[in-house]
Each structure stands twice: as structure tokens, then as C-alpha cells.
Amino acid sequence: MTAETLRAQLLHWYDANARSLPWRTGPAEGAAGVRSDPYRVWLSEVMLQQTTVPHATPYFLKFTARWPTVSDLAAAPDEDVMAAWAGLGYYARARNLLACARAVARDHGGVFPDTEEGLRGLPGLGPYTAAAVGAIAFDLPTNVVDGNVERVMSRLFAVEQPLPAGKPELKRLAGALVRDDRPGDWAQALMDLGATICRPKSPLCDRCPVAEHCAALATGAPDSFPRKSAKAERPHRYGVAYVLTRGDEVALVRRPPKGLLGGMLALPTSEWRAERWSETEALAAAPADAPWRGVGEVEHGFTHFTLTLQLLRAEGDAGEVIWSPRRDLDALPSVFLKAAKAGLTNLL
């Protein structure tokens, strides 16, 4: 296999099969000189971390309709952006999103830097995001390596070292294929190949434009790559969520600005710990003196731990809470939306 042959075959495939995405300038438009909007590229990349294109797309469309430029986003109140982000998870990304937008507006006149070094200097932009924005928006020959690209590299070269230890080698292999010619299209071609053909399970090797070069396919078990180390079991935690109502309103609190789900609206909860809460402990931690009664529990998985929330429900009043109409609860993070819906439904 020569790198130039592989590149030519993959770019030819991309020209005919590129996904149509709302933040993307397609290969035909790029050939005509149309450049991608750095704001839209950056926003999509932040949203796509840890989620899928179908899930992120409606959020992207909502954000860009409400805040069409990075300066518009920079001027938005924190609580509006955090509420619009609800459901995308990893809420530190929303805080970083605002910090970056405000730095671009304040320090760069609302214009993203057009160098990888300049992009890396923005708050919240790590090596991957800076490389992706650099390649896709500014056609810089950066090395863009996401999970899709790691999978493609691991299979093309049959890399035996398991993840995550093998990541540096996969990044090195990807970097050896980067050229000054069409670097943005090259990055997106690799992403599209991994997303649509070189899938995690049941790869469509018969449709792959570079199958003849694939060392993993030659082994007869391409879907066994990338090799993975055994995952450590996630710890489990327990907490209590309190569903306090006043007529058609539900009591919410705003979580501390730092930490898990920082700055987000939430149901009042106990702390989350390794042991289940007794009834006496749960009542002692309640946000109000009210006739609490148990209405079941919900399970939720985070990246690093799983959680059981016992649900207590009562009608009453409390100080230092934010009263929200039931119809507005969809802006809650998914764990609290799940708990609120269960707590409100189970009592009916």
C-alpha cells in the first residue's frame, strides 16, 4: 500500500459519498472555494463529543437558529445556554463553550484564530478540537483523530496494541497520511468512512473504498480491531431525589458551578454515596418539612459511575428553591428529567 494511492481512493469515495451535515461544506462546494464557517464547525465538534450525529443535530440547529454567530452566543446568559444544552450531557462542555465564545468575542473581535496554535489558545479547545477546526474550517494540514479515525487506523494497519494504550500509535499512523492537499476533506473522509463503512460492529468491508489495503480484513476478523483492554467495572452510587410540588410547579435548585452537572437546574438531592440511604437519613436530608413518601427509584449511568436515585414526593413549600412549571422540566439534565417524570407519574 502506498499512502498516495490510499489517499486518492478515499478522497474519490468521499467526493461521491460525503454525508450531508448542517455544519459541513461539501466537497463540491469546497472545490468551488466555499469555506466552512469556523463557528459552526467548532460548535458541531463540541456537541459531537460523546454523542452521535442524529442526537446532536437538532441541538445544533436550535443553537444556530437562536445564536447564529459566536458573538451572539458569547452574549447569551449562562442559564439560557445551559438550559438549551440539557440532554447533551457532559455539562462541563457547555461551560467551556461559553468561555470559548466569550474569549473569541472579547479577544479576537468575534473571529476565530486561523492557526492551530491560536485555536489551542482558546479556553476549552483541546488538541482534537483545535485540529478539527483547523482542518475543516481553515484547511490546515492538522492531524484530526477521533474515535472513527482510530478505528480506521487500527484496522488498516492491524494494530495489536489495545486501547487506550494504543492511541499514540494510532495518532502517529494517521499523521503519516496527512498532506497539504485537501486536509479538511481528508479529515472528513476518514470520519465518514469510520461512521458509515468501517463501523464498530459489522463493518461493511464489501463497500470499503480502501479494503484492498486493510490488514485487519486480511486477518478475517476486522471487527476484532481495535483491540481493547478489559474495562474496569464502574462503581455504583446511591442518592435521594426530592420531588416537591406546589400546585402545578416543581421545586428545583441550581447545582454548584463546578463539578458534575455544574450550574444546571436540578431536583434537590442528597449527596451521592456508596451506601443506600435509609428512610431516616433520606428524610433528614429533605429540603423541606413535608409529608414525604416514597415513589420508587430510577437508575442512571454516567461515564465513571452508575447511580440509583430513590424518589421521595411531597406537596408543600420550601425556601431557597426555584419553582418551575411542570411543562418546563424538559430543560433538566436527563438524570433529573427521568427522576422528575417518574416521581410525578408514580404518585398519580
Protein backbone atom coordinates (compact mmCIF):
# COMPACT_ATOMS: atom_id res chain seq x y z
CA MET A 1 0.00 0.00 0.00
CA THR A 2 1.23 3.48 -0.78
CA ALA A 3 -0.11 6.43 1.13
CA GLU A 4 -0.82 8.34 -2.08
CA THR A 5 -2.90 5.52 -3.55
CA LEU A 6 -4.91 5.13 -0.36
CA ARG A 7 -5.49 8.87 -0.14
CA ALA A 8 -6.60 9.11 -3.76
CA GLN A 9 -9.06 6.22 -3.38
CA LEU A 10 -10.56 7.52 -0.15
CA LEU A 11 -10.92 11.11 -1.39
CA HIS A 12 -12.55 9.86 -4.61
CA TRP A 13 -15.04 7.91 -2.48
CA TYR A 14 -15.66 10.96 -0.26
CA ASP A 15 -16.36 13.18 -3.26
CA ALA A 16 -19.24 10.86 -4.20
CA ASN A 17 -20.43 9.78 -0.74
CA ALA A 18 -19.84 12.63 1.73
CA ARG A 19 -22.53 12.89 4.36
CA SER A 20 -24.75 15.96 4.15
CA LEU A 21 -24.48 17.62 7.55
CA PRO A 22 -25.84 21.04 8.56
CA TRP A 23 -22.42 22.30 9.68
CA ARG A 24 -20.50 20.93 6.71
CA THR A 25 -19.35 22.45 3.43
CA GLY A 26 -19.45 19.53 0.98
CA PRO A 27 -16.55 18.56 -1.30
CA ALA A 28 -18.15 20.15 -4.39
CA GLU A 29 -18.67 23.44 -2.53
CA GLY A 30 -15.13 23.27 -1.20
CA ALA A 31 -13.77 22.76 -4.71
CA ALA A 32 -15.68 25.89 -5.74
CA GLY A 33 -13.97 27.90 -3.00
CA VAL A 34 -16.72 27.88 -0.35
CA ARG A 35 -15.23 27.72 3.15
CA SER A 36 -16.82 26.27 6.24
CA ASP A 37 -17.91 28.67 8.99
CA PRO A 38 -15.45 28.15 11.90
CA TYR A 39 -18.22 28.87 14.42
CA ARG A 40 -20.44 26.11 13.04
CA VAL A 41 -17.53 23.67 12.77
CA TRP A 42 -16.43 24.38 16.35
CA LEU A 43 -19.97 24.17 17.74
CA SER A 44 -20.63 20.85 15.98
CA GLU A 45 -17.35 19.36 17.19
CA VAL A 46 -18.08 20.28 20.81
CA MET A 47 -21.59 18.85 20.56
CA LEU A 48 -20.41 15.64 18.89
CA GLN A 49 -18.05 14.76 21.71
CA GLN A 50 -19.55 11.72 23.42
CA THR A 51 -22.72 11.68 21.32
CA THR A 52 -23.95 10.84 17.82
CA VAL A 53 -24.79 12.90 14.75
CA PRO A 54 -28.56 12.12 14.93
CA HIS A 55 -28.68 13.15 18.60
CA ALA A 56 -26.56 16.29 18.21
CA THR A 57 -28.14 17.63 15.00
CA PRO A 58 -31.38 19.06 16.48
CA TYR A 59 -29.37 20.75 19.22
CA PHE A 60 -27.04 22.26 16.61
CA LEU A 61 -29.97 23.58 14.59
CA LYS A 62 -31.59 25.04 17.70
CA PHE A 63 -28.36 26.71 18.83
CA THR A 64 -27.54 28.23 15.45
CA ALA A 65 -31.09 29.49 14.98
CA ARG A 66 -31.04 31.15 18.40
CA TRP A 67 -27.37 32.24 18.36
CA PRO A 68 -26.27 32.42 14.69
CA THR A 69 -22.78 33.81 15.40
CA VAL A 70 -20.16 33.23 18.04
CA SER A 71 -20.71 36.80 19.29
CA ASP A 72 -24.42 36.07 19.74
CA LEU A 73 -23.56 33.00 21.80
CA ALA A 74 -20.99 34.96 23.81
CA ALA A 75 -23.68 37.48 24.80
CA ALA A 76 -26.17 34.83 25.92
CA PRO A 77 -26.93 34.42 29.66
CA ASP A 78 -25.32 31.33 31.18
CA GLU A 79 -28.65 29.86 32.29
CA ASP A 80 -30.12 30.09 28.77
CA VAL A 81 -27.19 28.21 27.23
CA MET A 82 -27.14 25.59 29.98
CA ALA A 83 -30.88 25.01 29.55
CA ALA A 84 -30.51 24.70 25.77
CA TRP A 85 -27.69 22.20 26.31
CA ALA A 86 -29.78 19.95 28.57
CA GLY A 87 -29.88 16.43 27.16
CA LEU A 88 -26.45 16.56 25.51
CA GLY A 89 -24.67 15.53 28.71
CA TYR A 90 -21.13 16.31 29.88
CA TYR A 91 -22.20 19.75 31.03
CA ALA A 92 -18.66 21.00 31.53
CA ARG A 93 -18.65 21.26 27.73
CA ALA A 94 -21.42 23.86 27.88
CA ARG A 95 -19.44 25.93 30.37
CA ASN A 96 -16.34 25.63 28.16
CA LEU A 97 -18.48 26.54 25.16
CA LEU A 98 -19.43 29.85 26.74
CA ALA A 99 -15.89 30.55 27.92
CA CYS A 100 -14.54 29.98 24.41
CA ALA A 101 -17.24 32.04 22.70
CA ARG A 102 -16.60 34.93 25.06
CA ALA A 103 -12.84 34.73 24.51
CA VAL A 104 -13.34 34.81 20.72
CA ALA A 105 -15.70 37.79 21.01
CA ARG A 106 -13.59 39.64 23.57
CA ASP A 107 -10.04 38.91 22.44
CA HIS A 108 -10.39 38.21 18.71
CA GLY A 109 -13.15 40.52 17.56
CA GLY A 110 -15.60 37.65 17.07
CA VAL A 111 -13.26 35.90 14.59
CA PHE A 112 -11.72 32.50 15.32
CA PRO A 113 -7.91 32.31 15.06
CA ASP A 114 -6.83 30.67 11.78
CA THR A 115 -3.84 28.74 13.14
CA GLU A 116 -3.76 25.55 15.17
CA GLU A 117 -1.66 27.29 17.82
CA GLY A 118 -4.13 30.15 18.02
CA LEU A 119 -7.06 27.76 18.32
CA ARG A 120 -5.27 25.83 21.08
CA GLY A 121 -5.01 29.10 23.00
CA LEU A 122 -8.79 29.35 23.32
CA PRO A 123 -10.34 28.07 26.56
CA GLY A 124 -11.82 24.59 26.29
CA LEU A 125 -10.20 23.71 22.96
CA GLY A 126 -8.06 20.64 23.38
CA PRO A 127 -5.76 19.15 20.74
CA TYR A 128 -8.52 17.28 18.90
CA THR A 129 -10.99 20.18 18.61
CA ALA A 130 -8.26 22.62 17.58
CA ALA A 131 -7.06 20.19 14.91
CA ALA A 132 -10.59 19.57 13.64
CA VAL A 133 -11.49 23.27 13.39
CA GLY A 134 -8.10 23.98 11.82
CA ALA A 135 -8.51 21.34 9.14
CA ILE A 136 -12.21 21.66 8.35
CA ALA A 137 -12.64 25.44 8.66
CA PHE A 138 -9.19 26.67 7.60
CA ASP A 139 -7.83 23.76 5.51
CA LEU A 140 -4.77 23.41 7.71
CA PRO A 141 -2.84 20.11 7.45
CA THR A 142 -3.60 19.08 11.03
CA ASN A 143 -3.88 15.53 12.34
CA VAL A 144 -7.55 15.03 13.25
CA VAL A 145 -8.02 11.81 15.21
CA ASP A 146 -11.39 10.96 16.74
CA GLY A 147 -12.83 7.54 17.59
CA ASN A 148 -13.79 6.89 13.98
CA VAL A 149 -10.26 7.65 12.76
CA GLU A 150 -8.72 5.50 15.49
CA ARG A 151 -10.86 2.58 14.36
CA VAL A 152 -9.94 3.06 10.70
CA MET A 153 -6.22 3.23 11.52
CA SER A 154 -6.35 0.23 13.81
CA ARG A 155 -7.91 -1.84 11.02
CA LEU A 156 -5.88 -0.54 8.11
CA PHE A 157 -2.67 -1.42 9.95
CA ALA A 158 -3.98 -4.26 12.19
CA VAL A 159 -2.61 -2.59 15.31
CA GLU A 160 -2.40 -5.20 18.06
CA GLN A 161 -1.79 -2.86 20.99
CA PRO A 162 -5.14 -2.46 22.77
CA LEU A 163 -6.83 0.81 23.54
CA PRO A 164 -6.29 3.11 25.30
CA ALA A 165 -2.55 2.35 25.36
CA GLY A 166 -2.50 2.15 21.55
CA LYS A 167 -3.82 5.68 21.00
CA PRO A 168 -0.39 7.31 20.42
CA GLU A 169 0.46 4.75 17.74
CA LEU A 170 -2.88 5.24 16.00
CA LYS A 171 -2.34 9.00 16.05
CA ARG A 172 1.14 8.55 14.58
CA LEU A 173 -0.21 6.36 11.78
CA ALA A 174 -2.95 8.88 11.00
CA GLY A 175 -0.45 11.72 11.00
CA ALA A 176 1.68 9.96 8.40
CA LEU A 177 -1.23 10.20 5.95
CA VAL A 178 -1.86 13.95 6.32
CA ARG A 179 -0.85 16.13 3.37
CA ASP A 180 -1.17 19.78 2.37
CA ASP A 181 -3.62 18.71 -0.35
CA ARG A 182 -7.27 18.89 0.80
CA PRO A 183 -6.60 18.38 4.52
CA GLY A 184 -10.15 19.34 5.52
CA ASP A 185 -11.70 16.89 3.07
CA TRP A 186 -9.21 14.23 4.14
CA ALA A 187 -10.16 14.59 7.81
CA GLN A 188 -13.87 14.38 6.99
CA ALA A 189 -13.35 11.47 4.60
CA LEU A 190 -11.76 9.44 7.38
CA MET A 191 -14.57 10.39 9.76
CA ASP A 192 -17.23 9.42 7.22
CA LEU A 193 -15.51 6.13 6.43
CA GLY A 194 -15.50 5.22 10.12
CA ALA A 195 -19.08 6.37 10.67
CA THR A 196 -20.71 4.71 7.67
CA ILE A 197 -18.48 1.84 6.45
CA CYS A 198 -15.79 0.95 8.99
CA ARG A 199 -18.38 0.70 11.76
CA PRO A 200 -17.62 -0.63 15.26
CA LYS A 201 -19.72 -3.72 14.63
CA SER A 202 -20.43 -5.44 11.32
CA PRO A 203 -18.16 -3.25 9.16
CA LEU A 204 -19.27 -3.06 5.53
CA CYS A 205 -15.96 -4.23 4.13
CA ASP A 206 -17.50 -5.10 0.74
CA ARG A 207 -18.30 -1.39 0.28
CA CYS A 208 -15.00 -0.01 1.59
CA PRO A 209 -13.02 2.02 -0.96
CA VAL A 210 -9.71 1.03 0.64
CA ALA A 211 -10.47 -2.59 1.56
CA GLU A 212 -7.56 -3.85 -0.54
CA HIS A 213 -5.19 -2.04 1.81
CA CYS A 214 -6.77 -3.27 5.06
CA ALA A 215 -4.55 -5.53 7.14
CA ALA A 216 -7.37 -6.29 9.59
CA LEU A 217 -9.59 -7.53 6.76
CA ALA A 218 -6.76 -9.82 5.68
CA THR A 219 -6.88 -11.46 9.14
CA GLY A 220 -10.51 -12.46 8.53
CA ALA A 221 -11.73 -10.70 11.69
CA PRO A 222 -11.72 -6.95 11.01
CA ASP A 223 -14.34 -6.23 13.67
CA SER A 224 -11.95 -7.53 16.33
CA PHE A 225 -9.98 -4.31 15.85
CA PRO A 226 -9.25 -2.08 17.61
CA ARG A 227 -8.15 -4.37 20.39
CA LYS A 228 -9.47 -3.22 23.75
CA SER A 229 -8.29 -3.69 27.30
CA ALA A 230 -10.79 -5.13 29.75
CA LYS A 231 -12.92 -2.37 31.22
CA ALA A 232 -12.89 -1.80 34.95
CA GLU A 233 -16.33 -2.12 36.49
CA ARG A 234 -17.90 1.25 37.20
CA PRO A 235 -18.65 1.96 40.86
CA HIS A 236 -22.28 2.35 41.88
CA ARG A 237 -23.65 5.20 43.98
CA TYR A 238 -26.92 5.91 45.74
CA GLY A 239 -28.81 9.10 46.37
CA VAL A 240 -32.27 10.50 47.07
CA ALA A 241 -34.10 12.90 44.76
CA TYR A 242 -36.91 15.03 46.18
CA VAL A 243 -39.94 15.83 44.02
CA LEU A 244 -41.59 18.70 45.89
CA THR A 245 -44.66 20.20 44.22
CA ARG A 246 -46.76 23.29 44.78
CA GLY A 247 -49.81 23.08 42.57
CA ASP A 248 -48.52 22.71 39.02
CA GLU A 249 -44.97 23.73 39.96
CA VAL A 250 -41.96 21.64 40.93
CA ALA A 251 -39.15 22.76 43.24
CA LEU A 252 -35.73 22.92 41.59
CA VAL A 253 -32.28 24.04 42.71
CA ARG A 254 -29.23 25.20 40.77
CA ARG A 255 -26.23 22.97 41.26
CA PRO A 256 -22.85 24.47 42.21
CA PRO A 257 -20.99 25.96 39.23
CA LYS A 258 -18.20 23.38 39.34
CA GLY A 259 -18.41 19.62 39.37
CA LEU A 260 -20.78 17.13 37.79
CA LEU A 261 -23.76 18.88 36.12
CA GLY A 262 -22.34 22.15 37.40
CA GLY A 263 -24.58 25.20 37.04
CA MET A 264 -27.56 23.16 35.88
CA LEU A 265 -31.08 23.22 37.26
CA ALA A 266 -31.87 20.02 39.12
CA LEU A 267 -34.16 18.36 41.60
CA PRO A 268 -32.96 18.73 45.18
CA THR A 269 -30.96 15.64 46.11
CA SER A 270 -28.98 14.16 48.92
CA GLU A 271 -25.30 13.55 48.33
CA TRP A 272 -24.45 10.52 46.18
CA ARG A 273 -22.54 7.86 48.06
CA ALA A 274 -21.60 4.17 48.04
CA GLU A 275 -24.32 3.09 50.52
CA ARG A 276 -28.07 3.19 50.07
CA TRP A 277 -29.90 5.83 52.16
CA SER A 278 -32.16 4.70 54.99
CA GLU A 279 -35.60 6.24 55.31
CA THR A 280 -34.50 8.21 58.38
CA GLU A 281 -31.42 9.56 56.59
CA ALA A 282 -33.42 10.43 53.47
CA LEU A 283 -36.00 12.37 55.44
CA ALA A 284 -33.29 14.19 57.41
CA ALA A 285 -31.69 15.39 54.14
CA ALA A 286 -35.00 16.59 52.65
CA PRO A 287 -35.21 20.22 51.52
CA ALA A 288 -38.46 20.89 53.41
CA ASP A 289 -40.54 19.64 56.29
CA ALA A 290 -43.30 17.98 54.28
CA PRO A 291 -45.26 14.70 54.17
CA TRP A 292 -42.71 12.82 52.06
CA ARG A 293 -43.46 9.36 50.74
CA GLY A 294 -41.50 7.00 48.54
CA VAL A 295 -42.50 6.77 44.87
CA GLY A 296 -39.92 4.34 43.54
CA GLU A 297 -36.44 4.87 42.17
CA VAL A 298 -34.60 5.42 38.90
CA GLU A 299 -31.28 4.19 37.54
CA HIS A 300 -28.85 6.32 35.53
CA GLY A 301 -25.42 5.74 34.07
CA PHE A 302 -22.66 8.33 33.96
CA THR A 303 -19.27 7.83 32.32
CA HIS A 304 -17.46 6.90 35.52
CA PHE A 305 -20.22 5.53 37.76
CA THR A 306 -23.82 4.34 37.84
CA LEU A 307 -26.47 5.81 40.11
CA THR A 308 -29.65 4.75 41.86
CA LEU A 309 -31.86 7.64 42.96
CA GLN A 310 -34.59 6.86 45.49
CA LEU A 311 -37.55 9.15 44.87
CA LEU A 312 -39.49 10.96 47.58
CA ARG A 313 -42.53 13.04 46.70
CA ALA A 314 -44.47 15.63 48.69
CA GLU A 315 -46.75 18.63 48.27
CA GLY A 316 -45.57 21.67 50.19
CA ASP A 317 -43.38 24.74 50.21
CA ALA A 318 -39.71 25.43 50.79
CA GLY A 319 -37.32 28.32 50.88
CA GLU A 320 -34.29 28.72 48.61
CA VAL A 321 -35.76 26.72 45.72
CA ILE A 322 -36.69 27.69 42.18
CA TRP A 323 -40.30 26.93 41.31
CA SER A 324 -40.72 25.70 37.75
CA PRO A 325 -43.91 24.77 35.87
CA ARG A 326 -44.10 21.08 35.06
CA ARG A 327 -44.22 21.87 31.35
CA ASP A 328 -40.70 23.36 31.54
CA LEU A 329 -38.98 20.34 33.06
CA ASP A 330 -37.64 19.16 29.68
CA ALA A 331 -34.74 21.59 30.17
CA LEU A 332 -33.44 19.48 33.07
CA PRO A 333 -30.41 17.21 32.62
CA SER A 334 -31.53 13.73 31.66
CA VAL A 335 -30.96 12.15 35.09
CA PHE A 336 -33.21 14.73 36.78
CA LEU A 337 -35.78 14.73 33.99
CA LYS A 338 -36.01 10.96 34.37
CA ALA A 339 -36.40 11.29 38.14
CA ALA A 340 -38.98 14.08 37.88
CA LYS A 341 -41.11 12.21 35.37
CA ALA A 342 -41.01 9.04 37.45
CA GLY A 343 -41.72 10.88 40.68
CA LEU A 344 -44.65 12.78 39.24
CA THR A 345 -46.11 9.78 37.41
CA ASN A 346 -45.79 7.15 40.11
CA LEU A 347 -47.99 9.04 42.53
CA LEU A 348 -50.85 9.52 40.06
